[in-house]
C-alpha atoms as a PDB file:
ATOM      1  CA  MET A   1      71.780  46.750  -1.730  1.00  0.00           C
ATOM      2  CA  LEU A   2      71.573  46.852   2.023  1.00  0.00           C
ATOM      3  CA  MET A   3      73.369  49.155   3.746  1.00  0.00           C
ATOM      4  CA  VAL A   4      74.586  49.301   6.886  1.00  0.00           C
ATOM      5  CA  PRO A   5      76.078  51.873   9.212  1.00  0.00           C
ATOM      6  CA  ALA A   6      76.984  55.341   7.844  1.00  0.00           C
ATOM      7  CA  TRP A   7      80.433  56.408   9.064  1.00  0.00           C
ATOM      8  CA  SER A   8      81.365  59.821  10.485  1.00  0.00           C
ATOM      9  CA  ASP A   9      82.813  60.741   7.009  1.00  0.00           C
ATOM     10  CA  GLY A  10      79.676  60.004   5.565  1.00  0.00           C
ATOM     11  CA  ARG A  11      80.702  56.731   3.872  1.00  0.00           C
ATOM     12  CA  THR A  12      78.203  53.862   3.683  1.00  0.00           C
ATOM     13  CA  GLU A  13      78.765  50.298   2.894  1.00  0.00           C
ATOM     14  CA  SER A  14      77.657  46.584   2.622  1.00  0.00           C
ATOM     15  CA  ILE A  15      77.660  44.035   4.803  1.00  0.00           C
ATOM     16  CA  ALA A  16      80.496  42.743   2.696  1.00  0.00           C
ATOM     17  CA  GLY A  17      82.731  45.429   3.526  1.00  0.00           C
ATOM     18  CA  TRP A  18      83.063  44.868   7.528  1.00  0.00           C
ATOM     19  CA  ALA A  19      85.600  42.091   6.254  1.00  0.00           C
ATOM     20  CA  GLU A  20      87.778  45.449   5.510  1.00  0.00           C
ATOM     21  CA  ALA A  21      89.712  47.256   7.946  1.00  0.00           C
ATOM     22  CA  PRO A  22      87.978  49.471  10.605  1.00  0.00           C
ATOM     23  CA  PRO A  23      86.337  52.953   9.471  1.00  0.00           C
ATOM     24  CA  THR A  24      87.687  56.071  12.073  1.00  0.00           C
ATOM     25  CA  GLY A  25      84.013  56.096  13.705  1.00  0.00           C
ATOM     26  CA  VAL A  26      80.536  55.006  12.942  1.00  0.00           C
ATOM     27  CA  GLY A  27      77.633  57.528  12.512  1.00  0.00           C
ATOM     28  CA  GLU A  28      73.799  57.247  11.652  1.00  0.00           C
ATOM     29  CA  TYR A  29      72.314  54.523   9.763  1.00  0.00           C
ATOM     30  CA  THR A  30      71.078  53.916   5.957  1.00  0.00           C
ATOM     31  CA  VAL A  31      68.685  51.288   5.204  1.00  0.00           C
ATOM     32  CA  GLU A  32      67.714  50.296   1.574  1.00  0.00           C
ATOM     33  CA  ALA A  33      64.836  47.968   2.013  1.00  0.00           C
ATOM     34  CA  VAL A  34      65.304  44.976   0.053  1.00  0.00           C
ATOM     35  CA  PRO A  35      62.827  41.772  -0.247  1.00  0.00           C
ATOM     36  CA  VAL A  36      63.692  39.160   2.266  1.00  0.00           C
ATOM     37  CA  ALA A  37      62.762  35.753   1.138  1.00  0.00           C
ATOM     38  CA  ALA A  38      59.988  33.879   3.101  1.00  0.00           C
ATOM     39  CA  THR A  39      62.005  30.823   4.902  1.00  0.00           C
ATOM     40  CA  ALA A  40      60.778  28.975   7.849  1.00  0.00           C
ATOM     41  CA  PRO A  41      63.258  28.988  10.901  1.00  0.00           C
ATOM     42  CA  VAL A  42      65.564  25.680  11.446  1.00  0.00           C
ATOM     43  CA  SER A  43      64.365  24.438  14.802  1.00  0.00           C
ATOM     44  CA  GLY A  44      66.887  22.868  16.911  1.00  0.00           C
ATOM     45  CA  ARG A  45      66.749  19.261  18.217  1.00  0.00           C
ATOM     46  CA  GLY A  46      67.539  20.351  21.642  1.00  0.00           C
ATOM     47  CA  ASP A  47      70.709  18.287  21.461  1.00  0.00           C
ATOM     48  CA  GLU A  48      72.814  20.754  19.526  1.00  0.00           C
ATOM     49  CA  ALA A  49      73.145  24.510  19.856  1.00  0.00           C
ATOM     50  CA  VAL A  50      73.414  27.035  16.489  1.00  0.00           C
ATOM     51  CA  GLN A  51      77.257  27.757  16.177  1.00  0.00           C
ATOM     52  CA  GLY A  52      76.362  31.249  14.997  1.00  0.00           C
ATOM     53  CA  GLY A  53      78.753  34.311  15.070  1.00  0.00           C
ATOM     54  CA  PHE A  54      78.694  37.694  15.181  1.00  0.00           C
ATOM     55  CA  ALA A  55      80.162  40.801  14.143  1.00  0.00           C
ATOM     56  CA  CYS A  56      80.619  44.257  15.726  1.00  0.00           C
ATOM     57  CA  ARG A  57      82.016  47.768  14.741  1.00  0.00           C
ATOM     58  CA  GLY A  58      82.601  50.341  17.516  1.00  0.00           C
ATOM     59  CA  LEU A  59      83.711  53.533  17.643  1.00  0.00           C
ATOM     60  CA  LEU A  60      88.012  53.724  17.616  1.00  0.00           C
ATOM     61  CA  GLY A  61      90.245  55.767  19.384  1.00  0.00           C
ATOM     62  CA  ASP A  62      89.394  57.729  22.863  1.00  0.00           C
ATOM     63  CA  ALA A  63      85.516  58.028  22.482  1.00  0.00           C
ATOM     64  CA  GLN A  64      84.037  58.811  25.431  1.00  0.00           C
ATOM     65  CA  ALA A  65      80.491  57.447  24.201  1.00  0.00           C
ATOM     66  CA  GLY A  66      79.039  55.771  21.012  1.00  0.00           C
ATOM     67  CA  PRO A  67      77.500  52.922  20.010  1.00  0.00           C
ATOM     68  CA  THR A  68      79.088  49.837  19.310  1.00  0.00           C
ATOM     69  CA  VAL A  69      76.845  47.867  16.585  1.00  0.00           C
ATOM     70  CA  CYS A  70      76.952  44.448  16.186  1.00  0.00           C
ATOM     71  CA  LEU A  71      75.327  42.417  13.302  1.00  0.00           C
ATOM     72  CA  SER A  72      74.100  38.409  13.321  1.00  0.00           C
ATOM     73  CA  ARG A  73      71.432  35.801  12.328  1.00  0.00           C
ATOM     74  CA  VAL A  74      69.395  34.388  15.385  1.00  0.00           C
ATOM     75  CA  ASN A  75      68.881  31.235  13.762  1.00  0.00           C
ATOM     76  CA  PRO A  76      69.343  30.284   9.427  1.00  0.00           C
ATOM     77  CA  GLY A  77      65.838  30.959   8.847  1.00  0.00           C
ATOM     78  CA  LEU A  78      65.640  34.542  10.188  1.00  0.00           C
ATOM     79  CA  ALA A  79      66.787  37.507   8.602  1.00  0.00           C
ATOM     80  CA  GLN A  80      70.214  39.187  10.440  1.00  0.00           C
ATOM     81  CA  PHE A  81      69.802  41.471  13.412  1.00  0.00           C
ATOM     82  CA  PHE A  82      72.018  44.535  13.560  1.00  0.00           C
ATOM     83  CA  PHE A  83      72.159  45.284  17.329  1.00  0.00           C
ATOM     84  CA  ASP A  84      72.931  48.837  18.741  1.00  0.00           C
ATOM     85  CA  LEU A  85      74.650  49.007  21.980  1.00  0.00           C
ATOM     86  CA  ARG A  86      74.644  52.901  23.522  1.00  0.00           C
ATOM     87  CA  TRP A  87      77.238  53.176  25.905  1.00  0.00           C
ATOM     88  CA  HIS A  88      79.143  55.925  27.557  1.00  0.00           C
ATOM     89  CA  LEU A  89      82.417  56.183  29.629  1.00  0.00           C
ATOM     90  CA  ALA A  90      81.889  56.677  33.660  1.00  0.00           C
ATOM     91  CA  PRO A  91      83.781  59.378  34.584  1.00  0.00           C
ATOM     92  CA  LYS A  92      85.238  58.476  37.743  1.00  0.00           C
ATOM     93  CA  SER A  93      86.057  54.796  37.479  1.00  0.00           C
ATOM     94  CA  GLY A  94      86.639  54.613  33.579  1.00  0.00           C
ATOM     95  CA  GLU A  95      84.404  51.697  32.854  1.00  0.00           C
ATOM     96  CA  ARG A  96      82.259  51.255  29.906  1.00  0.00           C
ATOM     97  CA  VAL A  97      78.780  51.268  30.685  1.00  0.00           C
ATOM     98  CA  VAL A  98      76.037  50.182  28.746  1.00  0.00           C
ATOM     99  CA  THR A  99      72.805  52.210  28.771  1.00  0.00           C
ATOM    100  CA  GLY A 100      70.663  50.341  26.406  1.00  0.00           C
ATOM    101  CA  ILE A 101      70.217  47.955  23.286  1.00  0.00           C
ATOM    102  CA  LEU A 102      68.469  48.703  20.409  1.00  0.00           C
ATOM    103  CA  ILE A 103      67.535  45.368  17.761  1.00  0.00           C
ATOM    104  CA  ARG A 104      66.093  45.705  14.514  1.00  0.00           C
ATOM    105  CA  GLN A 105      65.985  43.676  11.216  1.00  0.00           C
ATOM    106  CA  GLU A 106      68.351  43.892   8.672  1.00  0.00           C
ATOM    107  CA  ASP A 107      66.195  45.688   6.161  1.00  0.00           C
ATOM    108  CA  ARG A 108      64.239  48.072   8.621  1.00  0.00           C
ATOM    109  CA  ALA A 109      65.309  51.310   9.852  1.00  0.00           C
ATOM    110  CA  GLU A 110      63.169  51.184  13.062  1.00  0.00           C
ATOM    111  CA  PRO A 111      64.089  48.610  15.828  1.00  0.00           C
ATOM    112  CA  PHE A 112      61.905  45.886  16.541  1.00  0.00           C
ATOM    113  CA  GLN A 113      62.699  46.086  20.513  1.00  0.00           C
ATOM    114  CA  VAL A 114      64.618  48.296  22.718  1.00  0.00           C
ATOM    115  CA  ILE A 115      66.094  47.314  26.011  1.00  0.00           C
ATOM    116  CA  ALA A 116      66.320  50.081  27.836  1.00  0.00           C
ATOM    117  CA  GLY A 117      67.730  51.695  31.897  1.00  0.00           C
ATOM    118  CA  LEU A 118      70.648  49.099  31.570  1.00  0.00           C
ATOM    119  CA  ASP A 119      73.932  49.770  33.802  1.00  0.00           C
ATOM    120  CA  ALA A 120      75.733  47.170  32.537  1.00  0.00           C
ATOM    121  CA  ARG A 121      80.000  48.435  33.611  1.00  0.00           C
ATOM    122  CA  THR A 122      82.737  46.744  31.809  1.00  0.00           C
ATOM    123  CA  ALA A 123      86.522  47.438  31.662  1.00  0.00           C
ATOM    124  CA  THR A 124      87.466  49.118  27.937  1.00  0.00           C
ATOM    125  CA  GLN A 125      89.669  46.468  27.330  1.00  0.00           C
ATOM    126  CA  ILE A 126      86.840  43.987  27.333  1.00  0.00           C
ATOM    127  CA  ASP A 127      85.147  43.041  23.078  1.00  0.00           C
ATOM    128  CA  ASN A 128      82.188  44.666  21.884  1.00  0.00           C
ATOM    129  CA  ALA A 129      81.553  45.806  25.344  1.00  0.00           C
ATOM    130  CA  GLY A 130      80.778  42.694  26.970  1.00  0.00           C
ATOM    131  CA  PHE A 131      78.386  41.478  24.384  1.00  0.00           C
ATOM    132  CA  GLU A 132      77.611  37.701  23.293  1.00  0.00           C
ATOM    133  CA  LEU A 133      75.172  35.929  21.213  1.00  0.00           C
ATOM    134  CA  ILE A 134      75.261  32.103  21.929  1.00  0.00           C
ATOM    135  CA  ASP A 135      72.764  29.531  22.070  1.00  0.00           C
ATOM    136  CA  MET A 136      72.551  29.314  26.231  1.00  0.00           C
ATOM    137  CA  ASP A 137      68.905  27.122  25.984  1.00  0.00           C
ATOM    138  CA  PHE A 138      70.102  24.542  23.201  1.00  0.00           C
ATOM    139  CA  ASP A 139      66.804  25.755  21.200  1.00  0.00           C
ATOM    140  CA  GLY A 140      68.453  26.285  17.761  1.00  0.00           C
ATOM    141  CA  TYR A 141      68.073  30.362  18.324  1.00  0.00           C
ATOM    142  CA  LEU A 142      70.991  32.232  19.703  1.00  0.00           C
ATOM    143  CA  ASP A 143      70.242  34.517  23.033  1.00  0.00           C
ATOM    144  CA  MET A 144      71.570  37.149  24.240  1.00  0.00           C
ATOM    145  CA  ARG A 145      74.256  37.954  27.186  1.00  0.00           C
ATOM    146  CA  LEU A 146      75.780  40.956  28.398  1.00  0.00           C
ATOM    147  CA  ILE A 147      78.450  41.400  31.101  1.00  0.00           C
ATOM    148  CA  ALA A 148      76.377  43.025  33.607  1.00  0.00           C
ATOM    149  CA  GLY A 149      79.582  43.583  35.916  1.00  0.00           C
ATOM    150  CA  GLY A 150      82.995  42.591  37.703  1.00  0.00           C
ATOM    151  CA  THR A 151      83.528  40.673  40.579  1.00  0.00           C
ATOM    152  CA  ALA A 152      86.429  40.743  42.650  1.00  0.00           C
ATOM    153  CA  GLY A 153      87.036  37.510  42.019  1.00  0.00           C
ATOM    154  CA  PRO A 154      87.352  35.362  38.722  1.00  0.00           C
ATOM    155  CA  ASN A 155      83.448  34.817  38.012  1.00  0.00           C
ATOM    156  CA  VAL A 156      81.617  37.115  35.586  1.00  0.00           C
ATOM    157  CA  LEU A 157      77.735  37.951  35.719  1.00  0.00           C
ATOM    158  CA  TYR A 158      75.634  38.529  33.142  1.00  0.00           C
ATOM    159  CA  ARG A 159      71.969  39.689  32.073  1.00  0.00           C
ATOM    160  CA  ASN A 160      70.619  37.199  29.582  1.00  0.00           C
ATOM    161  CA  TRP A 161      67.986  37.552  27.215  1.00  0.00           C
ATOM    162  CA  LEU A 162      66.553  34.441  25.688  1.00  0.00           C
ATOM    163  CA  TRP A 163      65.077  34.541  21.761  1.00  0.00           C
ATOM    164  CA  LEU A 164      61.559  32.855  22.579  1.00  0.00           C
ATOM    165  CA  ILE A 165      60.522  31.005  19.050  1.00  0.00           C
ATOM    166  CA  GLN A 166      56.722  32.174  19.582  1.00  0.00           C
ATOM    167  CA  GLU A 167      57.490  35.799  21.145  1.00  0.00           C
ATOM    168  CA  GLU A 168      60.346  36.654  18.733  1.00  0.00           C
ATOM    169  CA  PRO A 169      61.759  39.322  20.801  1.00  0.00           C
ATOM    170  CA  PHE A 170      64.633  38.537  23.410  1.00  0.00           C
ATOM    171  CA  MET A 171      63.057  37.450  26.859  1.00  0.00           C
ATOM    172  CA  GLU A 172      65.332  38.792  30.363  1.00  0.00           C
ATOM    173  CA  SER A 173      65.635  35.707  31.914  1.00  0.00           C
ATOM    174  CA  PRO A 174      66.145  36.910  35.411  1.00  0.00           C
ATOM    175  CA  GLY A 175      67.013  32.746  36.820  1.00  0.00           C
ATOM    176  CA  ALA A 176      70.082  33.092  34.346  1.00  0.00           C
ATOM    177  CA  ARG A 177      71.499  36.523  35.819  1.00  0.00           C
END
């Protein structure tokens, strides 16, 4: 059975355990590899978006830094991915600052993509550190976006990464920034 984040008290739990009450804190990961059936990715026709979801877990309480871990399937024909958002609280502003994202396949311990050097700032009240997975380019694959920072008005600035079918990592889309 695939095990997902090991919590600070030493417990591990299966993905099914994510529906239960949240634990007290996130620790390191443990993964027991499982065979993954070879399935072909499902392609969109260009006129609909994949309606995928994602679930995130983060530290509870007054944590000053830590990971927020999200789980999602980018396409029904692909394995699930873990998105590990690394963040800390800015000392003066109190904003949550996401500094990096590590992305790994559910049955692998090592990330296949590391996005470093981020300085994405959000209020602590914003869910999932401002992280979302949505199909922005209507290709049938979920893309990733992260709130880059607040503005004085109602607009929100995002950093966007598109899943490129041929490349298979997420590629930042500077034009959609």
